[in-house]
């Protein structure tokens, strides 16, 4: 029975993503982003099929297994485009640091103005770094790991959905700039969106995601407790 459920949920996941890719190509819009559409569709089908999240665990673990090789594979376009990165290393690093700092500060000050609890503020302030790092850092700064994971996933999804539209409106077309923005602000989901745009965007987004995670993991325990006093 468990194997049948696993096959069914895998088929639902693959089918939902393939259909969402078709929909996005046919009707390009932030609201037809494949990650957004496929997530809603998978949830809808699983709920209608009365399949609990724990029963989806086998499929989730199977797909998560390939995240490692997929992440390592980003090294290939990075190596192929290394000269572009080296030529722009200083502005790229400056942009990454600025993006990380501004994201944390704007989030903290905005949530404080709404008089939300310190726990929510600390949890949400880590929304732009990848989930495994964010959860660990949340425990250090006394945030809630579950809330942090939710905020991280939502941030990545919204970033992948609206990022292309916002950058197009602002006439930001350079592959390096777009990859840097996706990786810094929308981590893994943003990197997937960057990969859909091109190899250079994917390479830069992968580097930005990793460096941003490292930078925020050192910065957050020092800055966020002070900002949330």
Protein backbone atom coordinates (compact mmCIF):
# COMPACT_ATOMS: atom_id res chain seq x y z
CA UNK A 1 0.00 0.00 0.00
CA UNK A 2 2.80 2.40 0.91
CA UNK A 3 4.48 1.76 -2.44
CA UNK A 4 1.26 2.47 -4.32
CA UNK A 5 0.81 5.73 -2.43
CA UNK A 6 4.44 6.66 -3.15
CA UNK A 7 3.96 5.99 -6.87
CA UNK A 8 0.73 7.94 -6.87
CA UNK A 9 2.17 10.97 -5.08
CA UNK A 10 5.25 10.93 -7.31
CA UNK A 11 3.02 10.86 -10.40
CA UNK A 12 0.97 13.73 -8.99
CA UNK A 13 4.11 15.76 -8.27
CA UNK A 14 5.67 15.16 -11.69
CA UNK A 15 2.39 15.72 -13.50
CA UNK A 16 1.64 18.93 -11.60
CA UNK A 17 5.06 20.37 -12.37
CA UNK A 18 4.93 19.42 -16.06
CA UNK A 19 1.47 20.92 -16.40
CA UNK A 20 2.56 24.09 -14.60
CA UNK A 21 5.51 24.45 -17.00
CA UNK A 22 3.11 24.20 -19.94
CA UNK A 23 0.76 26.72 -18.33
CA UNK A 24 3.60 29.17 -17.68
CA UNK A 25 4.79 28.98 -21.30
CA UNK A 26 1.25 29.47 -22.57
CA UNK A 27 0.28 32.25 -20.16
CA UNK A 28 3.39 33.92 -18.78
CA UNK A 29 2.58 35.67 -15.50
CA UNK A 30 3.88 35.85 -11.92
CA UNK A 31 0.83 33.81 -10.94
CA UNK A 32 1.65 31.01 -13.38
CA UNK A 33 5.11 30.46 -11.92
CA UNK A 34 5.69 26.66 -12.02
CA UNK A 35 6.68 26.39 -8.35
CA UNK A 36 3.62 28.34 -7.21
CA UNK A 37 1.12 26.58 -9.46
CA UNK A 38 2.48 23.07 -8.92
CA UNK A 39 2.57 23.55 -5.13
CA UNK A 40 -1.08 24.59 -5.01
CA UNK A 41 -2.07 21.79 -7.37
CA UNK A 42 -0.21 19.11 -5.41
CA UNK A 43 -1.76 20.26 -2.13
CA UNK A 44 -5.22 20.32 -3.70
CA UNK A 45 -4.90 16.80 -5.15
CA UNK A 46 -3.46 15.33 -1.94
CA UNK A 47 -6.21 16.88 0.17
CA UNK A 48 -8.90 15.65 -2.21
CA UNK A 49 -7.26 12.19 -2.18
CA UNK A 50 -7.22 12.20 1.63
CA UNK A 51 -3.46 11.60 1.68
CA UNK A 52 -1.70 12.89 4.79
CA UNK A 53 1.57 14.78 4.56
CA UNK A 54 3.39 11.94 6.32
CA UNK A 55 2.35 9.62 3.49
CA UNK A 56 4.03 12.01 1.07
CA UNK A 57 7.30 11.58 2.97
CA UNK A 58 8.69 8.85 0.67
CA UNK A 59 8.22 10.97 -2.44
CA UNK A 60 9.63 14.02 -0.67
CA UNK A 61 12.73 12.13 0.44
CA UNK A 62 13.19 10.67 -3.05
CA UNK A 63 13.05 14.10 -4.68
CA UNK A 64 15.19 15.68 -1.95
CA UNK A 65 17.90 13.09 -2.66
CA UNK A 66 18.47 14.71 -6.04
CA UNK A 67 18.91 18.19 -4.55
CA UNK A 68 22.52 17.34 -3.72
CA UNK A 69 23.56 16.39 -7.26
CA UNK A 70 21.52 19.30 -8.66
CA UNK A 71 23.33 21.74 -6.37
CA UNK A 72 26.73 20.30 -7.27
CA UNK A 73 25.78 20.54 -10.95
CA UNK A 74 25.64 24.33 -10.55
CA UNK A 75 29.45 24.19 -10.42
CA UNK A 76 29.52 23.42 -14.15
CA UNK A 77 27.96 26.70 -15.41
CA UNK A 78 29.88 28.52 -12.67
CA UNK A 79 33.17 27.17 -13.99
CA UNK A 80 32.19 27.95 -17.56
CA UNK A 81 31.35 31.55 -16.62
CA UNK A 82 34.08 32.08 -14.01
CA UNK A 83 35.69 34.93 -15.96
CA UNK A 84 32.48 36.97 -15.81
CA UNK A 85 32.30 36.47 -12.05
CA UNK A 86 35.94 37.35 -11.49
CA UNK A 87 35.62 40.53 -13.57
CA UNK A 88 32.68 41.64 -11.43
CA UNK A 89 33.74 40.20 -8.07
CA UNK A 90 33.81 43.52 -6.17
CA UNK A 91 30.41 44.93 -7.27
CA UNK A 92 28.87 41.47 -6.93
CA UNK A 93 30.13 41.04 -3.37
CA UNK A 94 29.06 44.58 -2.48
CA UNK A 95 25.60 43.94 -3.87
CA UNK A 96 25.30 40.70 -1.94
CA UNK A 97 26.28 42.34 1.35
CA UNK A 98 23.93 45.26 0.74
CA UNK A 99 21.08 42.93 -0.15
CA UNK A 100 21.59 40.85 2.99
CA UNK A 101 21.80 43.84 5.33
CA UNK A 102 18.88 45.73 3.81
CA UNK A 103 16.68 42.65 3.87
CA UNK A 104 17.31 42.04 7.57
CA UNK A 105 16.93 45.67 8.61
CA UNK A 106 13.80 46.39 6.56
CA UNK A 107 12.15 43.21 7.82
CA UNK A 108 12.92 43.95 11.47
CA UNK A 109 11.87 47.62 11.35
CA UNK A 110 8.68 46.88 9.40
CA UNK A 111 7.57 44.11 11.75
CA UNK A 112 8.45 46.20 14.81
CA UNK A 113 6.27 49.00 13.45
CA UNK A 114 3.41 46.48 13.31
CA UNK A 115 4.09 45.61 16.98
CA UNK A 116 4.59 41.92 16.31
CA UNK A 117 6.26 39.69 18.87
CA UNK A 118 10.03 39.41 19.11
CA UNK A 119 9.85 35.70 18.24
CA UNK A 120 8.03 36.37 14.96
CA UNK A 121 10.43 39.19 14.07
CA UNK A 122 13.49 37.04 14.72
CA UNK A 123 12.00 34.12 12.81
CA UNK A 124 11.06 36.18 9.76
CA UNK A 125 14.33 38.12 9.64
CA UNK A 126 16.03 34.97 8.30
CA UNK A 127 13.65 34.60 5.35
CA UNK A 128 16.26 35.17 2.63
CA UNK A 129 18.64 32.32 3.51
CA UNK A 130 18.13 28.69 2.60
CA UNK A 131 15.96 26.60 4.93
CA UNK A 132 18.57 24.29 6.58
CA UNK A 133 20.78 27.23 7.56
CA UNK A 134 17.83 29.41 8.57
CA UNK A 135 16.45 26.80 10.96
CA UNK A 136 19.81 26.40 12.71
CA UNK A 137 20.33 30.16 13.00
CA UNK A 138 16.77 30.57 14.31
CA UNK A 139 17.60 28.39 17.30
CA UNK A 140 20.62 30.58 18.06
CA UNK A 141 18.71 33.88 18.00
CA UNK A 142 15.69 32.39 19.84
CA UNK A 143 13.37 32.32 16.85
CA UNK A 144 10.90 29.59 15.97
CA UNK A 145 12.31 27.05 13.51
CA UNK A 146 8.89 26.13 12.10
CA UNK A 147 7.92 29.76 11.51
CA UNK A 148 11.32 30.41 9.96
CA UNK A 149 10.91 27.50 7.54
CA UNK A 150 7.47 28.78 6.51
CA UNK A 151 8.75 32.32 5.96
CA UNK A 152 11.77 31.06 3.99
CA UNK A 153 9.63 28.97 1.65
CA UNK A 154 7.11 31.78 1.12
CA UNK A 155 9.91 34.26 0.45
CA UNK A 156 11.50 31.98 -2.12
CA UNK A 157 8.17 31.39 -3.83
CA UNK A 158 7.21 35.06 -3.92
CA UNK A 159 10.71 35.99 -5.09
CA UNK A 160 10.58 33.49 -7.94
CA UNK A 161 7.09 34.66 -8.89
CA UNK A 162 7.59 38.42 -8.81
CA UNK A 163 11.35 38.74 -9.29
CA UNK A 164 11.37 38.50 -13.11
CA UNK A 165 8.45 40.93 -13.40
CA UNK A 166 9.99 43.47 -11.01
CA UNK A 167 13.41 43.34 -12.66
CA UNK A 168 11.88 43.65 -16.11
CA UNK A 169 9.92 46.71 -14.99
CA UNK A 170 13.12 48.21 -13.58
CA UNK A 171 14.95 47.33 -16.82
CA UNK A 172 17.42 45.03 -15.06
CA UNK A 173 18.38 42.60 -17.80
CA UNK A 174 22.04 41.78 -17.13
CA UNK A 175 22.33 38.03 -16.36
CA UNK A 176 24.78 38.60 -13.51
CA UNK A 177 22.52 41.14 -11.81
CA UNK A 178 19.45 38.96 -12.15
CA UNK A 179 21.24 35.87 -10.85
CA UNK A 180 22.63 37.82 -7.90
CA UNK A 181 19.16 39.11 -6.99
CA UNK A 182 17.55 35.66 -7.24
CA UNK A 183 20.21 33.94 -5.16
CA UNK A 184 20.46 36.63 -2.48
CA UNK A 185 16.76 37.21 -1.91
CA UNK A 186 15.00 34.00 -3.00
CA UNK A 187 17.64 31.29 -2.22
CA UNK A 188 16.94 27.82 -3.66
CA UNK A 189 13.60 28.51 -5.32
CA UNK A 190 15.00 31.71 -6.79
CA UNK A 191 18.03 29.81 -8.06
CA UNK A 192 15.69 27.41 -9.85
CA UNK A 193 14.00 30.39 -11.49
CA UNK A 194 17.40 31.80 -12.43
CA UNK A 195 18.33 28.46 -14.02
CA UNK A 196 15.23 28.72 -16.20
CA UNK A 197 16.57 32.03 -17.53
CA UNK A 198 20.10 30.87 -18.36
CA UNK A 199 23.36 29.23 -17.26
CA UNK A 200 25.04 32.44 -16.10
CA UNK A 201 22.05 33.45 -14.01
CA UNK A 202 22.01 29.97 -12.44
CA UNK A 203 25.73 30.04 -11.68
CA UNK A 204 25.62 33.47 -10.05
CA UNK A 205 22.44 32.65 -8.13
CA UNK A 206 24.02 29.49 -6.74
CA UNK A 207 27.08 31.38 -5.52
CA UNK A 208 24.93 34.19 -4.09
CA UNK A 209 22.69 31.73 -2.25
CA UNK A 210 25.66 30.02 -0.61
CA UNK A 211 27.54 33.19 0.30
CA UNK A 212 24.39 34.87 1.59
CA UNK A 213 23.70 31.90 3.83
CA UNK A 214 27.23 32.05 5.25
CA UNK A 215 27.17 35.82 5.70
CA UNK A 216 23.76 35.94 7.41
CA UNK A 217 24.61 33.00 9.67
CA UNK A 218 27.48 35.06 11.08
CA UNK A 219 25.69 38.41 11.00
CA UNK A 220 22.28 37.45 12.36
CA UNK A 221 23.34 36.37 15.91
CA UNK A 222 25.14 39.71 16.30
CA UNK A 223 22.68 42.12 14.69
CA UNK A 224 19.17 40.73 15.05
CA UNK A 225 19.07 40.47 18.89
CA UNK A 226 20.30 44.06 19.04
CA UNK A 227 17.72 45.29 16.50
CA UNK A 228 14.85 43.51 18.23
CA UNK A 229 15.48 44.89 21.73
